[in-house]
Amino acid sequence: MIGDWLDIGPVDQIAPGHARTLPVIGGEEIAVFHTLDNRFYALVNKCPHKQGPLSQGIVHGNVVTCPLHNWNISLKTGEALGDDEGCVPTIPLKVDAGRIYLLREAVLAKRAA
């Protein structure tokens, strides 16, 4: 941990274009995504439509497509795109010295939710 950030591991644990999940934290599993342009994002691992596992979706650009019903979710904002409506909570994330960190306060807030 660095200050208010939780160290969740090295960046190379997630291949570009893929996601990994963190164990359930207070009932909310978190998905961490690595885009093909080498950016990282973290979201609650539930599509706003039918709670599909976003971590199993297809990552393209800064979007993930839910594997259940093809909803497109912005990795930046958590918002459903196009005609779909809904939002997935995002978790602040940073990369430092080749390691991925999640904001402790946001993770703990998911535990209390």
PDB file of N, CA and C in Angstrom:
ATOM      1  N   MET A   1       0.840  -1.189   0.000  1.00  0.00           N
ATOM      2  CA  MET A   1       0.000   0.000   0.000  1.00  0.00           C
ATOM      3  C   MET A   1       0.878   1.244   0.000  1.00  0.00           C
ATOM      4  N   ILE A   2       0.525   2.192  -0.831  1.00  0.00           N
ATOM      5  CA  ILE A   2       1.177   3.501  -0.835  1.00  0.00           C
ATOM      6  C   ILE A   2       0.102   4.506  -0.452  1.00  0.00           C
ATOM      7  N   GLY A   3       0.205   5.056   0.772  1.00  0.00           N
ATOM      8  CA  GLY A   3      -0.794   6.025   1.219  1.00  0.00           C
ATOM      9  C   GLY A   3      -2.188   5.439   1.203  1.00  0.00           C
ATOM     10  N   ASP A   4      -3.051   6.065   0.426  1.00  0.00           N
ATOM     11  CA  ASP A   4      -4.442   5.638   0.359  1.00  0.00           C
ATOM     12  C   ASP A   4      -4.706   4.664  -0.784  1.00  0.00           C
ATOM     13  N   TRP A   5      -3.664   4.061  -1.348  1.00  0.00           N
ATOM     14  CA  TRP A   5      -3.800   3.167  -2.489  1.00  0.00           C
ATOM     15  C   TRP A   5      -3.453   1.734  -2.105  1.00  0.00           C
ATOM     16  N   LEU A   6      -4.237   0.778  -2.586  1.00  0.00           N
ATOM     17  CA  LEU A   6      -3.984  -0.644  -2.358  1.00  0.00           C
ATOM     18  C   LEU A   6      -3.243  -1.222  -3.556  1.00  0.00           C
ATOM     19  N   ASP A   7      -2.114  -1.854  -3.304  1.00  0.00           N
ATOM     20  CA  ASP A   7      -1.322  -2.498  -4.350  1.00  0.00           C
ATOM     21  C   ASP A   7      -1.977  -3.840  -4.671  1.00  0.00           C
ATOM     22  N   ILE A   8      -2.440  -3.999  -5.917  1.00  0.00           N
ATOM     23  CA  ILE A   8      -3.102  -5.256  -6.288  1.00  0.00           C
ATOM     24  C   ILE A   8      -2.246  -6.129  -7.205  1.00  0.00           C
ATOM     25  N   GLY A   9      -1.026  -5.683  -7.515  1.00  0.00           N
ATOM     26  CA  GLY A   9      -0.124  -6.535  -8.265  1.00  0.00           C
ATOM     27  C   GLY A   9       0.514  -5.859  -9.454  1.00  0.00           C
ATOM     28  N   PRO A  10       1.372  -6.622 -10.154  1.00  0.00           N
ATOM     29  CA  PRO A  10       2.091  -6.069 -11.299  1.00  0.00           C
ATOM     30  C   PRO A  10       1.199  -5.929 -12.535  1.00  0.00           C
ATOM     31  N   VAL A  11       1.549  -4.970 -13.387  1.00  0.00           N
ATOM     32  CA  VAL A  11       0.761  -4.735 -14.598  1.00  0.00           C
ATOM     33  C   VAL A  11       0.782  -5.941 -15.534  1.00  0.00           C
ATOM     34  N   ASP A  12       1.861  -6.716 -15.508  1.00  0.00           N
ATOM     35  CA  ASP A  12       1.947  -7.842 -16.441  1.00  0.00           C
ATOM     36  C   ASP A  12       1.092  -9.039 -16.040  1.00  0.00           C
ATOM     37  N   GLN A  13       0.350  -8.919 -14.945  1.00  0.00           N
ATOM     38  CA  GLN A  13      -0.570  -9.998 -14.567  1.00  0.00           C
ATOM     39  C   GLN A  13      -1.830  -9.989 -15.438  1.00  0.00           C
ATOM     40  N   ILE A  14      -2.042  -8.903 -16.188  1.00  0.00           N
ATOM     41  CA  ILE A  14      -3.212  -8.795 -17.061  1.00  0.00           C
ATOM     42  C   ILE A  14      -2.723  -8.508 -18.477  1.00  0.00           C
ATOM     43  N   ALA A  15      -2.973  -9.426 -19.378  1.00  0.00           N
ATOM     44  CA  ALA A  15      -2.561  -9.238 -20.770  1.00  0.00           C
ATOM     45  C   ALA A  15      -3.394  -8.129 -21.412  1.00  0.00           C
ATOM     46  N   PRO A  16      -2.820  -7.378 -22.345  1.00  0.00           N
ATOM     47  CA  PRO A  16      -3.598  -6.356 -23.054  1.00  0.00           C
ATOM     48  C   PRO A  16      -4.838  -6.968 -23.723  1.00  0.00           C
ATOM     49  N   GLY A  17      -5.965  -6.260 -23.576  1.00  0.00           N
ATOM     50  CA  GLY A  17      -7.226  -6.737 -24.143  1.00  0.00           C
ATOM     51  C   GLY A  17      -7.972  -7.690 -23.236  1.00  0.00           C
ATOM     52  N   HIS A  18      -7.500  -7.856 -22.005  1.00  0.00           N
ATOM     53  CA  HIS A  18      -8.121  -8.791 -21.072  1.00  0.00           C
ATOM     54  C   HIS A  18      -8.440  -8.113 -19.740  1.00  0.00           C
ATOM     55  N   ALA A  19      -9.046  -8.895 -18.855  1.00  0.00           N
ATOM     56  CA  ALA A  19      -9.393  -8.408 -17.517  1.00  0.00           C
ATOM     57  C   ALA A  19      -9.117  -9.507 -16.504  1.00  0.00           C
ATOM     58  N   ARG A  20      -8.980  -9.102 -15.272  1.00  0.00           N
ATOM     59  CA  ARG A  20      -8.863 -10.021 -14.146  1.00  0.00           C
ATOM     60  C   ARG A  20      -9.806  -9.516 -13.065  1.00  0.00           C
ATOM     61  N   THR A  21     -10.260 -10.429 -12.230  1.00  0.00           N
ATOM     62  CA  THR A  21     -11.139 -10.019 -11.138  1.00  0.00           C
ATOM     63  C   THR A  21     -10.405 -10.110  -9.812  1.00  0.00           C
ATOM     64  N   LEU A  22     -10.846  -9.282  -8.897  1.00  0.00           N
ATOM     65  CA  LEU A  22     -10.379  -9.347  -7.521  1.00  0.00           C
ATOM     66  C   LEU A  22     -11.429 -10.100  -6.735  1.00  0.00           C
ATOM     67  N   PRO A  23     -11.014 -10.775  -5.684  1.00  0.00           N
ATOM     68  CA  PRO A  23     -11.998 -11.482  -4.868  1.00  0.00           C
ATOM     69  C   PRO A  23     -13.110 -10.541  -4.430  1.00  0.00           C
ATOM     70  N   VAL A  24     -14.230 -11.116  -4.141  1.00  0.00           N
ATOM     71  CA  VAL A  24     -15.383 -10.325  -3.702  1.00  0.00           C
ATOM     72  C   VAL A  24     -14.977  -9.506  -2.491  1.00  0.00           C
ATOM     73  N   ILE A  25     -15.215  -8.215  -2.584  1.00  0.00           N
ATOM     74  CA  ILE A  25     -14.911  -7.294  -1.489  1.00  0.00           C
ATOM     75  C   ILE A  25     -16.237  -6.765  -0.985  1.00  0.00           C
ATOM     76  N   GLY A  26     -16.708  -7.303   0.124  1.00  0.00           N
ATOM     77  CA  GLY A  26     -17.975  -6.862   0.691  1.00  0.00           C
ATOM     78  C   GLY A  26     -19.138  -7.085  -0.253  1.00  0.00           C
ATOM     79  N   GLY A  27     -19.074  -8.126  -1.073  1.00  0.00           N
ATOM     80  CA  GLY A  27     -20.184  -8.445  -1.951  1.00  0.00           C
ATOM     81  C   GLY A  27     -20.043  -7.921  -3.361  1.00  0.00           C
ATOM     82  N   GLU A  28     -19.035  -7.124  -3.653  1.00  0.00           N
ATOM     83  CA  GLU A  28     -18.856  -6.571  -5.000  1.00  0.00           C
ATOM     84  C   GLU A  28     -17.520  -7.006  -5.578  1.00  0.00           C
ATOM     85  N   GLU A  29     -17.547  -7.883  -6.574  1.00  0.00           N
ATOM     86  CA  GLU A  29     -16.328  -8.279  -7.257  1.00  0.00           C
ATOM     87  C   GLU A  29     -15.876  -7.119  -8.149  1.00  0.00           C
ATOM     88  N   ILE A  30     -14.583  -6.887  -8.209  1.00  0.00           N
ATOM     89  CA  ILE A  30     -14.031  -5.797  -9.009  1.00  0.00           C
ATOM     90  C   ILE A  30     -13.271  -6.390 -10.190  1.00  0.00           C
ATOM     91  N   ALA A  31     -13.505  -5.833 -11.384  1.00  0.00           N
ATOM     92  CA  ALA A  31     -12.788  -6.246 -12.585  1.00  0.00           C
ATOM     93  C   ALA A  31     -11.787  -5.161 -12.955  1.00  0.00           C
ATOM     94  N   VAL A  32     -10.558  -5.571 -13.231  1.00  0.00           N
ATOM     95  CA  VAL A  32      -9.505  -4.647 -13.668  1.00  0.00           C
ATOM     96  C   VAL A  32      -9.200  -4.989 -15.122  1.00  0.00           C
ATOM     97  N   PHE A  33      -9.299  -3.995 -15.996  1.00  0.00           N
ATOM     98  CA  PHE A  33      -9.145  -4.162 -17.438  1.00  0.00           C
ATOM     99  C   PHE A  33      -7.842  -3.543 -17.919  1.00  0.00           C
ATOM    100  N   HIS A  34      -7.199  -4.199 -18.890  1.00  0.00           N
ATOM    101  CA  HIS A  34      -5.988  -3.701 -19.542  1.00  0.00           C
ATOM    102  C   HIS A  34      -6.322  -3.570 -21.023  1.00  0.00           C
ATOM    103  N   THR A  35      -6.350  -2.338 -21.525  1.00  0.00           N
ATOM    104  CA  THR A  35      -6.723  -2.112 -22.915  1.00  0.00           C
ATOM    105  C   THR A  35      -5.522  -2.338 -23.845  1.00  0.00           C
ATOM    106  N   LEU A  36      -5.814  -2.448 -25.119  1.00  0.00           N
ATOM    107  CA  LEU A  36      -4.754  -2.661 -26.102  1.00  0.00           C
ATOM    108  C   LEU A  36      -3.817  -1.461 -26.219  1.00  0.00           C
ATOM    109  N   ASP A  37      -4.294  -0.267 -25.814  1.00  0.00           N
ATOM    110  CA  ASP A  37      -3.414   0.907 -25.833  1.00  0.00           C
ATOM    111  C   ASP A  37      -2.741   1.121 -24.473  1.00  0.00           C
ATOM    112  N   ASN A  38      -2.680   0.044 -23.687  1.00  0.00           N
ATOM    113  CA  ASN A  38      -1.934  -0.007 -22.429  1.00  0.00           C
ATOM    114  C   ASN A  38      -2.475   0.893 -21.323  1.00  0.00           C
ATOM    115  N   ARG A  39      -3.795   1.034 -21.265  1.00  0.00           N
ATOM    116  CA  ARG A  39      -4.445   1.750 -20.167  1.00  0.00           C
ATOM    117  C   ARG A  39      -5.125   0.722 -19.256  1.00  0.00           C
ATOM    118  N   PHE A  40      -5.314   1.105 -18.003  1.00  0.00           N
ATOM    119  CA  PHE A  40      -5.956   0.228 -17.032  1.00  0.00           C
ATOM    120  C   PHE A  40      -7.180   0.928 -16.448  1.00  0.00           C
ATOM    121  N   TYR A  41      -8.237   0.151 -16.222  1.00  0.00           N
ATOM    122  CA  TYR A  41      -9.477   0.654 -15.634  1.00  0.00           C
ATOM    123  C   TYR A  41     -10.015  -0.391 -14.660  1.00  0.00           C
ATOM    124  N   ALA A  42     -10.774   0.068 -13.677  1.00  0.00           N
ATOM    125  CA  ALA A  42     -11.415  -0.858 -12.737  1.00  0.00           C
ATOM    126  C   ALA A  42     -12.890  -0.492 -12.599  1.00  0.00           C
ATOM    127  N   LEU A  43     -13.722  -1.517 -12.653  1.00  0.00           N
ATOM    128  CA  LEU A  43     -15.175  -1.376 -12.521  1.00  0.00           C
ATOM    129  C   LEU A  43     -15.702  -2.467 -11.620  1.00  0.00           C
ATOM    130  N   VAL A  44     -16.871  -2.237 -11.039  1.00  0.00           N
ATOM    131  CA  VAL A  44     -17.592  -3.334 -10.402  1.00  0.00           C
ATOM    132  C   VAL A  44     -17.933  -4.314 -11.521  1.00  0.00           C
ATOM    133  N   ASN A  45     -17.766  -5.588 -11.274  1.00  0.00           N
ATOM    134  CA  ASN A  45     -17.868  -6.622 -12.302  1.00  0.00           C
ATOM    135  C   ASN A  45     -19.314  -7.043 -12.579  1.00  0.00           C
ATOM    136  N   LYS A  46     -20.198  -6.074 -12.799  1.00  0.00           N
ATOM    137  CA  LYS A  46     -21.612  -6.364 -13.071  1.00  0.00           C
ATOM    138  C   LYS A  46     -22.150  -5.407 -14.117  1.00  0.00           C
ATOM    139  N   CYS A  47     -22.630  -5.949 -15.211  1.00  0.00           N
ATOM    140  CA  CYS A  47     -23.298  -5.118 -16.206  1.00  0.00           C
ATOM    141  C   CYS A  47     -24.568  -4.536 -15.582  1.00  0.00           C
ATOM    142  N   PRO A  48     -24.915  -3.270 -15.884  1.00  0.00           N
ATOM    143  CA  PRO A  48     -26.127  -2.687 -15.299  1.00  0.00           C
ATOM    144  C   PRO A  48     -27.413  -3.301 -15.852  1.00  0.00           C
ATOM    145  N   HIS A  49     -27.326  -4.065 -16.914  1.00  0.00           N
ATOM    146  CA  HIS A  49     -28.506  -4.660 -17.538  1.00  0.00           C
ATOM    147  C   HIS A  49     -28.981  -5.899 -16.779  1.00  0.00           C
ATOM    148  N   LYS A  50     -28.180  -6.955 -16.789  1.00  0.00           N
ATOM    149  CA  LYS A  50     -28.566  -8.212 -16.127  1.00  0.00           C
ATOM    150  C   LYS A  50     -27.436  -8.742 -15.252  1.00  0.00           C
ATOM    151  N   GLN A  51     -26.561  -7.857 -14.802  1.00  0.00           N
ATOM    152  CA  GLN A  51     -25.448  -8.174 -13.915  1.00  0.00           C
ATOM    153  C   GLN A  51     -24.468  -9.195 -14.504  1.00  0.00           C
ATOM    154  N   GLY A  52     -24.332  -9.200 -15.835  1.00  0.00           N
ATOM    155  CA  GLY A  52     -23.361 -10.079 -16.491  1.00  0.00           C
ATOM    156  C   GLY A  52     -21.944  -9.756 -16.056  1.00  0.00           C
ATOM    157  N   PRO A  53     -21.055 -10.745 -16.065  1.00  0.00           N
ATOM    158  CA  PRO A  53     -19.666 -10.544 -15.645  1.00  0.00           C
ATOM    159  C   PRO A  53     -18.863  -9.803 -16.712  1.00  0.00           C
ATOM    160  N   LEU A  54     -18.692  -8.521 -16.532  1.00  0.00           N
ATOM    161  CA  LEU A  54     -17.988  -7.701 -17.526  1.00  0.00           C
ATOM    162  C   LEU A  54     -16.565  -8.187 -17.772  1.00  0.00           C
ATOM    163  N   SER A  55     -15.946  -8.791 -16.769  1.00  0.00           N
ATOM    164  CA  SER A  55     -14.575  -9.285 -16.920  1.00  0.00           C
ATOM    165  C   SER A  55     -14.473 -10.361 -17.996  1.00  0.00           C
ATOM    166  N   GLN A  56     -15.585 -10.975 -18.356  1.00  0.00           N
ATOM    167  CA  GLN A  56     -15.595 -12.013 -19.388  1.00  0.00           C
ATOM    168  C   GLN A  56     -15.988 -11.452 -20.756  1.00  0.00           C
ATOM    169  N   GLY A  57     -16.172 -10.134 -20.825  1.00  0.00           N
ATOM    170  CA  GLY A  57     -16.563  -9.489 -22.074  1.00  0.00           C
ATOM    171  C   GLY A  57     -15.379  -9.212 -22.976  1.00  0.00           C
ATOM    172  N   ILE A  58     -15.678  -8.653 -24.134  1.00  0.00           N
ATOM    173  CA  ILE A  58     -14.658  -8.303 -25.112  1.00  0.00           C
ATOM    174  C   ILE A  58     -14.253  -6.848 -24.906  1.00  0.00           C
ATOM    175  N   VAL A  59     -12.942  -6.612 -24.752  1.00  0.00           N
ATOM    176  CA  VAL A  59     -12.409  -5.264 -24.581  1.00  0.00           C
ATOM    177  C   VAL A  59     -12.004  -4.736 -25.955  1.00  0.00           C
ATOM    178  N   HIS A  60     -12.548  -3.579 -26.328  1.00  0.00           N
ATOM    179  CA  HIS A  60     -12.197  -2.938 -27.596  1.00  0.00           C
ATOM    180  C   HIS A  60     -12.153  -1.434 -27.358  1.00  0.00           C
ATOM    181  N   GLY A  61     -10.992  -0.850 -27.648  1.00  0.00           N
ATOM    182  CA  GLY A  61     -10.810   0.556 -27.318  1.00  0.00           C
ATOM    183  C   GLY A  61     -10.909   0.724 -25.810  1.00  0.00           C
ATOM    184  N   ASN A  62     -11.693   1.699 -25.381  1.00  0.00           N
ATOM    185  CA  ASN A  62     -11.924   1.933 -23.952  1.00  0.00           C
ATOM    186  C   ASN A  62     -13.328   1.492 -23.567  1.00  0.00           C
ATOM    187  N   VAL A  63     -13.766   0.381 -24.182  1.00  0.00           N
ATOM    188  CA  VAL A  63     -15.118  -0.155 -23.988  1.00  0.00           C
ATOM    189  C   VAL A  63     -15.013  -1.653 -23.733  1.00  0.00           C
ATOM    190  N   VAL A  64     -15.928  -2.164 -22.919  1.00  0.00           N
ATOM    191  CA  VAL A  64     -16.082  -3.611 -22.766  1.00  0.00           C
ATOM    192  C   VAL A  64     -17.508  -3.961 -23.182  1.00  0.00           C
ATOM    193  N   THR A  65     -17.650  -5.055 -23.920  1.00  0.00           N
ATOM    194  CA  THR A  65     -18.965  -5.540 -24.330  1.00  0.00           C
ATOM    195  C   THR A  65     -19.361  -6.686 -23.415  1.00  0.00           C
ATOM    196  N   CYS A  66     -20.500  -6.547 -22.760  1.00  0.00           N
ATOM    197  CA  CYS A  66     -20.982  -7.570 -21.837  1.00  0.00           C
ATOM    198  C   CYS A  66     -21.185  -8.890 -22.594  1.00  0.00           C
ATOM    199  N   PRO A  67     -20.761 -10.014 -22.005  1.00  0.00           N
ATOM    200  CA  PRO A  67     -20.897 -11.294 -22.683  1.00  0.00           C
ATOM    201  C   PRO A  67     -22.334 -11.822 -22.734  1.00  0.00           C
ATOM    202  N   LEU A  68     -23.233 -11.256 -21.949  1.00  0.00           N
ATOM    203  CA  LEU A  68     -24.603 -11.777 -21.928  1.00  0.00           C
ATOM    204  C   LEU A  68     -25.480 -11.217 -23.035  1.00  0.00           C
ATOM    205  N   HIS A  69     -25.536  -9.893 -23.161  1.00  0.00           N
ATOM    206  CA  HIS A  69     -26.465  -9.281 -24.115  1.00  0.00           C
ATOM    207  C   HIS A  69     -25.840  -8.178 -24.948  1.00  0.00           C
ATOM    208  N   ASN A  70     -24.509  -8.171 -25.022  1.00  0.00           N
ATOM    209  CA  ASN A  70     -23.769  -7.251 -25.893  1.00  0.00           C
ATOM    210  C   ASN A  70     -23.923  -5.768 -25.570  1.00  0.00           C
ATOM    211  N   TRP A  71     -24.224  -5.437 -24.338  1.00  0.00           N
ATOM    212  CA  TRP A  71     -24.211  -4.029 -23.959  1.00  0.00           C
ATOM    213  C   TRP A  71     -22.769  -3.544 -23.968  1.00  0.00           C
ATOM    214  N   ASN A  72     -22.557  -2.323 -24.450  1.00  0.00           N
ATOM    215  CA  ASN A  72     -21.235  -1.702 -24.444  1.00  0.00           C
ATOM    216  C   ASN A  72     -21.133  -0.748 -23.267  1.00  0.00           C
ATOM    217  N   ILE A  73     -20.086  -0.933 -22.470  1.00  0.00           N
ATOM    218  CA  ILE A  73     -19.881  -0.142 -21.258  1.00  0.00           C
ATOM    219  C   ILE A  73     -18.551   0.601 -21.374  1.00  0.00           C
ATOM    220  N   SER A  74     -18.572   1.906 -21.144  1.00  0.00           N
ATOM    221  CA  SER A  74     -17.356   2.705 -21.150  1.00  0.00           C
ATOM    222  C   SER A  74     -16.490   2.316 -19.956  1.00  0.00           C
ATOM    223  N   LEU A  75     -15.239   1.990 -20.214  1.00  0.00           N
ATOM    224  CA  LEU A  75     -14.324   1.678 -19.121  1.00  0.00           C
ATOM    225  C   LEU A  75     -13.936   2.937 -18.356  1.00  0.00           C
ATOM    226  N   LYS A  76     -14.001   4.091 -19.013  1.00  0.00           N
ATOM    227  CA  LYS A  76     -13.642   5.356 -18.365  1.00  0.00           C
ATOM    228  C   LYS A  76     -14.701   5.814 -17.372  1.00  0.00           C
ATOM    229  N   THR A  77     -15.985   5.723 -17.780  1.00  0.00           N
ATOM    230  CA  THR A  77     -17.060   6.301 -16.969  1.00  0.00           C
ATOM    231  C   THR A  77     -17.994   5.264 -16.343  1.00  0.00           C
ATOM    232  N   GLY A  78     -17.996   4.047 -16.870  1.00  0.00           N
ATOM    233  CA  GLY A  78     -18.930   3.020 -16.413  1.00  0.00           C
ATOM    234  C   GLY A  78     -20.302   3.134 -17.053  1.00  0.00           C
ATOM    235  N   GLU A  79     -20.501   4.153 -17.904  1.00  0.00           N
ATOM    236  CA  GLU A  79     -21.809   4.387 -18.534  1.00  0.00           C
ATOM    237  C   GLU A  79     -22.069   3.410 -19.681  1.00  0.00           C
ATOM    238  N   ALA A  80     -23.323   2.956 -19.782  1.00  0.00           N
ATOM    239  CA  ALA A  80     -23.745   2.179 -20.942  1.00  0.00           C
ATOM    240  C   ALA A  80     -23.758   3.110 -22.145  1.00  0.00           C
ATOM    241  N   LEU A  81     -23.364   2.599 -23.297  1.00  0.00           N
ATOM    242  CA  LEU A  81     -23.254   3.409 -24.503  1.00  0.00           C
ATOM    243  C   LEU A  81     -24.387   3.102 -25.475  1.00  0.00           C
ATOM    244  N   GLY A  82     -24.586   3.990 -26.436  1.00  0.00           N
ATOM    245  CA  GLY A  82     -25.639   3.799 -27.428  1.00  0.00           C
ATOM    246  C   GLY A  82     -27.015   4.017 -26.816  1.00  0.00           C
ATOM    247  N   ASP A  83     -27.971   3.189 -27.218  1.00  0.00           N
ATOM    248  CA  ASP A  83     -29.344   3.324 -26.730  1.00  0.00           C
ATOM    249  C   ASP A  83     -29.545   2.729 -25.340  1.00  0.00           C
ATOM    250  N   ASP A  84     -28.557   1.991 -24.834  1.00  0.00           N
ATOM    251  CA  ASP A  84     -28.692   1.347 -23.531  1.00  0.00           C
ATOM    252  C   ASP A  84     -28.504   2.372 -22.418  1.00  0.00           C
ATOM    253  N   GLU A  85     -29.151   2.118 -21.299  1.00  0.00           N
ATOM    254  CA  GLU A  85     -29.064   3.037 -20.164  1.00  0.00           C
ATOM    255  C   GLU A  85     -28.657   2.298 -18.912  1.00  0.00           C
ATOM    256  N   GLY A  86     -27.784   2.923 -18.149  1.00  0.00           N
ATOM    257  CA  GLY A  86     -27.316   2.343 -16.901  1.00  0.00           C
ATOM    258  C   GLY A  86     -25.867   2.724 -16.686  1.00  0.00           C
ATOM    259  N   CYS A  87     -25.376   2.412 -15.510  1.00  0.00           N
ATOM    260  CA  CYS A  87     -24.010   2.777 -15.165  1.00  0.00           C
ATOM    261  C   CYS A  87     -23.439   1.758 -14.189  1.00  0.00           C
ATOM    262  N   VAL A  88     -22.170   1.463 -14.368  1.00  0.00           N
ATOM    263  CA  VAL A  88     -21.430   0.577 -13.479  1.00  0.00           C
ATOM    264  C   VAL A  88     -20.501   1.450 -12.639  1.00  0.00           C
ATOM    265  N   PRO A  89     -20.435   1.230 -11.337  1.00  0.00           N
ATOM    266  CA  PRO A  89     -19.493   2.015 -10.539  1.00  0.00           C
ATOM    267  C   PRO A  89     -18.045   1.782 -10.981  1.00  0.00           C
ATOM    268  N   THR A  90     -17.289   2.858 -11.101  1.00  0.00           N
ATOM    269  CA  THR A  90     -15.866   2.775 -11.426  1.00  0.00           C
ATOM    270  C   THR A  90     -15.058   2.865 -10.130  1.00  0.00           C
ATOM    271  N   ILE A  91     -13.857   2.324 -10.172  1.00  0.00           N
ATOM    272  CA  ILE A  91     -12.950   2.361  -9.034  1.00  0.00           C
ATOM    273  C   ILE A  91     -11.698   3.114  -9.489  1.00  0.00           C
ATOM    274  N   PRO A  92     -11.320   4.209  -8.807  1.00  0.00           N
ATOM    275  CA  PRO A  92     -10.103   4.920  -9.190  1.00  0.00           C
ATOM    276  C   PRO A  92      -8.890   3.989  -9.145  1.00  0.00           C
ATOM    277  N   LEU A  93      -8.062   4.096 -10.177  1.00  0.00           N
ATOM    278  CA  LEU A  93      -6.916   3.215 -10.346  1.00  0.00           C
ATOM    279  C   LEU A  93      -5.736   4.042 -10.815  1.00  0.00           C
ATOM    280  N   LYS A  94      -4.543   3.643 -10.404  1.00  0.00           N
ATOM    281  CA  LYS A  94      -3.329   4.259 -10.930  1.00  0.00           C
ATOM    282  C   LYS A  94      -2.273   3.180 -11.108  1.00  0.00           C
ATOM    283  N   VAL A  95      -1.343   3.456 -12.014  1.00  0.00           N
ATOM    284  CA  VAL A  95      -0.208   2.572 -12.241  1.00  0.00           C
ATOM    285  C   VAL A  95       1.045   3.347 -11.850  1.00  0.00           C
ATOM    286  N   ASP A  96       1.894   2.708 -11.049  1.00  0.00           N
ATOM    287  CA  ASP A  96       3.126   3.344 -10.603  1.00  0.00           C
ATOM    288  C   ASP A  96       4.217   2.279 -10.528  1.00  0.00           C
ATOM    289  N   ALA A  97       5.330   2.525 -11.195  1.00  0.00           N
ATOM    290  CA  ALA A  97       6.489   1.621 -11.172  1.00  0.00           C
ATOM    291  C   ALA A  97       6.095   0.186 -11.531  1.00  0.00           C
ATOM    292  N   GLY A  98       5.207   0.061 -12.512  1.00  0.00           N
ATOM    293  CA  GLY A  98       4.827  -1.261 -12.989  1.00  0.00           C
ATOM    294  C   GLY A  98       3.852  -2.016 -12.116  1.00  0.00           C
ATOM    295  N   ARG A  99       3.213  -1.326 -11.178  1.00  0.00           N
ATOM    296  CA  ARG A  99       2.242  -1.971 -10.284  1.00  0.00           C
ATOM    297  C   ARG A  99       0.906  -1.241 -10.389  1.00  0.00           C
ATOM    298  N   ILE A 100      -0.170  -1.977 -10.139  1.00  0.00           N
ATOM    299  CA  ILE A 100      -1.531  -1.437 -10.216  1.00  0.00           C
ATOM    300  C   ILE A 100      -2.025  -1.159  -8.800  1.00  0.00           C
ATOM    301  N   TYR A 101      -2.614   0.016  -8.625  1.00  0.00           N
ATOM    302  CA  TYR A 101      -3.147   0.422  -7.322  1.00  0.00           C
ATOM    303  C   TYR A 101      -4.601   0.848  -7.469  1.00  0.00           C
ATOM    304  N   LEU A 102      -5.423   0.453  -6.502  1.00  0.00           N
ATOM    305  CA  LEU A 102      -6.807   0.908  -6.420  1.00  0.00           C
ATOM    306  C   LEU A 102      -6.948   1.827  -5.220  1.00  0.00           C
ATOM    307  N   LEU A 103      -7.798   2.838  -5.360  1.00  0.00           N
ATOM    308  CA  LEU A 103      -8.016   3.774  -4.257  1.00  0.00           C
ATOM    309  C   LEU A 103      -8.693   3.048  -3.098  1.00  0.00           C
ATOM    310  N   ARG A 104      -8.012   3.026  -1.965  1.00  0.00           N
ATOM    311  CA  ARG A 104      -8.505   2.300  -0.784  1.00  0.00           C
ATOM    312  C   ARG A 104      -9.918   2.734  -0.401  1.00  0.00           C
ATOM    313  N   GLU A 105     -10.157   4.025  -0.379  1.00  0.00           N
ATOM    314  CA  GLU A 105     -11.467   4.553   0.024  1.00  0.00           C
ATOM    315  C   GLU A 105     -12.587   4.006  -0.867  1.00  0.00           C
ATOM    316  N   ALA A 106     -12.341   3.928  -2.170  1.00  0.00           N
ATOM    317  CA  ALA A 106     -13.365   3.428  -3.104  1.00  0.00           C
ATOM    318  C   ALA A 106     -13.609   1.943  -2.900  1.00  0.00           C
ATOM    319  N   VAL A 107     -12.553   1.182  -2.646  1.00  0.00           N
ATOM    320  CA  VAL A 107     -12.703  -0.263  -2.404  1.00  0.00           C
ATOM    321  C   VAL A 107     -13.471  -0.491  -1.115  1.00  0.00           C
ATOM    322  N   LEU A 108     -13.127   0.268  -0.082  1.00  0.00           N
ATOM    323  CA  LEU A 108     -13.827   0.109   1.199  1.00  0.00           C
ATOM    324  C   LEU A 108     -15.282   0.555   1.085  1.00  0.00           C
ATOM    325  N   ALA A 109     -15.556   1.559   0.251  1.00  0.00           N
ATOM    326  CA  ALA A 109     -16.942   2.005   0.040  1.00  0.00           C
ATOM    327  C   ALA A 109     -17.764   0.890  -0.587  1.00  0.00           C
ATOM    328  N   LYS A 110     -17.143   0.101  -1.486  1.00  0.00           N
ATOM    329  CA  LYS A 110     -17.852  -1.023  -2.102  1.00  0.00           C
ATOM    330  C   LYS A 110     -18.145  -2.086  -1.062  1.00  0.00           C
ATOM    331  N   ARG A 111     -17.258  -2.211  -0.069  1.00  0.00           N
ATOM    332  CA  ARG A 111     -17.477  -3.182   0.999  1.00  0.00           C
ATOM    333  C   ARG A 111     -18.683  -2.802   1.839  1.00  0.00           C
ATOM    334  N   ALA A 112     -18.859  -1.485   2.057  1.00  0.00           N
ATOM    335  CA  ALA A 112     -19.959  -1.007   2.884  1.00  0.00           C
ATOM    336  C   ALA A 112     -21.278  -0.967   2.123  1.00  0.00           C
ATOM    337  N   ALA A 113     -21.223  -0.983   0.797  1.00  0.00           N
ATOM    338  CA  ALA A 113     -22.433  -0.868  -0.015  1.00  0.00           C
ATOM    339  C   ALA A 113     -23.337  -2.069   0.112  1.00  0.00           C
TER     340      ALA A 113
END
